[in-house]
Protein backbone atom coordinates (compact mmCIF):
# COMPACT_ATOMS: atom_id res chain seq x y z
CA MET A 1 174.17 194.73 227.44
CA SER A 2 175.26 195.45 230.95
CA ALA A 3 178.80 196.13 232.03
CA ALA A 4 178.86 192.87 234.02
CA VAL A 5 178.02 190.83 230.92
CA ASP A 6 180.69 192.64 228.91
CA ALA A 7 183.25 192.08 231.67
CA ALA A 8 182.37 188.38 231.87
CA ARG A 9 182.75 188.05 228.12
CA ASP A 10 186.15 189.79 228.13
CA ALA A 11 187.52 187.85 231.13
CA PRO A 12 188.93 184.90 229.13
CA ARG A 13 190.65 187.29 226.72
CA ARG A 14 192.19 189.23 229.58
CA LEU A 15 193.33 186.04 231.27
CA LEU A 16 194.89 184.81 228.03
CA ALA A 17 196.65 188.17 227.62
CA VAL A 18 198.08 187.93 231.15
CA VAL A 19 199.31 184.38 230.51
CA ALA A 20 200.88 185.48 227.20
CA VAL A 21 202.72 188.31 228.97
CA LEU A 22 204.00 185.93 231.67
CA VAL A 23 205.21 183.46 229.03
CA ALA A 24 206.93 186.29 227.16
CA LEU A 25 208.63 187.33 230.40
CA SER A 26 209.80 183.80 231.24
CA PRO A 27 213.34 184.40 229.90
CA ALA A 28 213.62 187.36 232.29
CA PHE A 29 212.55 185.10 235.16
CA ALA A 30 215.16 182.51 234.10
CA TRP A 31 217.82 185.21 233.90
CA GLY A 32 216.88 186.49 237.36
CA ALA A 33 216.96 182.98 238.82
CA ALA A 34 220.42 182.43 237.37
CA ARG A 35 221.65 185.77 238.76
CA VAL A 36 220.65 184.89 242.33
CA GLY A 37 221.75 181.26 242.10
CA TYR A 38 218.24 179.87 242.56
CA ALA A 39 217.91 176.11 242.80
CA GLU A 40 214.71 174.10 243.12
CA PRO A 41 214.11 173.31 246.83
CA LEU A 42 212.80 169.81 246.07
CA GLU A 43 215.94 169.00 244.06
CA ASN A 44 218.09 170.35 246.91
CA ALA A 45 216.25 168.18 249.44
CA ALA A 46 216.60 165.13 247.19
CA GLU A 47 220.35 165.68 246.91
CA LEU A 48 220.76 166.24 250.66
CA THR A 49 218.88 163.06 251.55
CA GLY A 50 220.45 160.92 248.83
CA ALA A 51 217.13 160.41 247.10
CA SER A 52 218.60 161.68 243.80
CA ASP A 53 220.80 158.59 243.59
CA ALA A 54 217.80 156.29 243.96
CA ALA A 55 215.60 158.18 241.51
CA VAL A 56 214.26 156.30 238.49
CA THR A 57 212.90 158.14 235.46
CA LEU A 58 209.62 156.49 234.51
CA VAL A 59 208.68 158.91 231.74
CA PRO A 60 211.23 161.22 230.13
CA ALA A 61 210.48 164.92 230.45
CA LEU A 62 209.27 166.83 227.43
CA PHE A 63 211.53 169.76 228.37
CA PRO A 64 214.13 168.67 230.95
CA ASP A 65 215.12 171.57 233.21
CA TYR A 66 212.68 173.83 231.34
CA SER A 67 214.95 174.08 228.31
CA VAL A 68 215.14 173.11 224.65
CA ALA A 69 218.41 171.66 223.36
CA GLY A 70 220.23 174.03 221.04
CA LEU A 71 218.23 177.16 221.87
CA GLY A 72 220.21 178.53 224.78
CA PRO A 73 218.92 178.96 228.32
CA TYR A 74 216.67 182.00 227.84
CA LEU A 75 215.09 181.22 224.47
CA GLY A 76 214.74 177.58 225.55
CA THR A 77 212.86 178.71 228.66
CA LEU A 78 210.58 180.86 226.51
CA VAL A 79 209.78 177.98 224.14
CA ALA A 80 209.31 175.50 227.00
CA GLY A 81 207.01 177.96 228.79
CA ALA A 82 204.97 178.65 225.66
CA VAL A 83 204.54 174.98 224.77
CA GLY A 84 203.78 174.01 228.37
CA THR A 85 201.22 176.79 228.70
CA ALA A 86 199.58 175.80 225.41
CA LEU A 87 199.38 172.15 226.47
CA VAL A 88 197.81 173.03 229.83
CA PHE A 89 195.40 175.43 228.12
CA VAL A 90 194.30 172.78 225.60
CA LEU A 91 193.90 170.22 228.39
CA ALA A 92 191.86 172.66 230.51
CA VAL A 93 189.59 173.56 227.60
CA GLY A 94 189.09 169.87 226.80
CA VAL A 95 188.23 168.98 230.39
CA GLY A 96 185.95 172.01 230.61
CA ARG A 97 184.05 170.93 227.51
CA LEU A 98 183.71 167.39 228.82
CA LEU A 99 182.37 168.66 232.13
CA ALA A 100 179.95 171.01 230.37
CA ARG A 101 178.15 168.08 228.72
């Protein structure tokens, strides 16, 4: 087989490895965000305009604020990132298979 075919075959594995590394690093990203006092710009804008007071939750979040109750901020971020990534991956594979038909 040619190198291009081998590279194409290995691409999904490499992509999955990159995603796994990013998920594993998510607690470090959460720690860094906490150290610099990062806040979501959309949440800041909602608070400044008063839109937060008028907000209505239609569907509760699976992981509010990217955390899991009882796990602490960093481990909770890791679990939320892993589960969210897995859900998106399963959804993408499902849609891909439907479109391939």
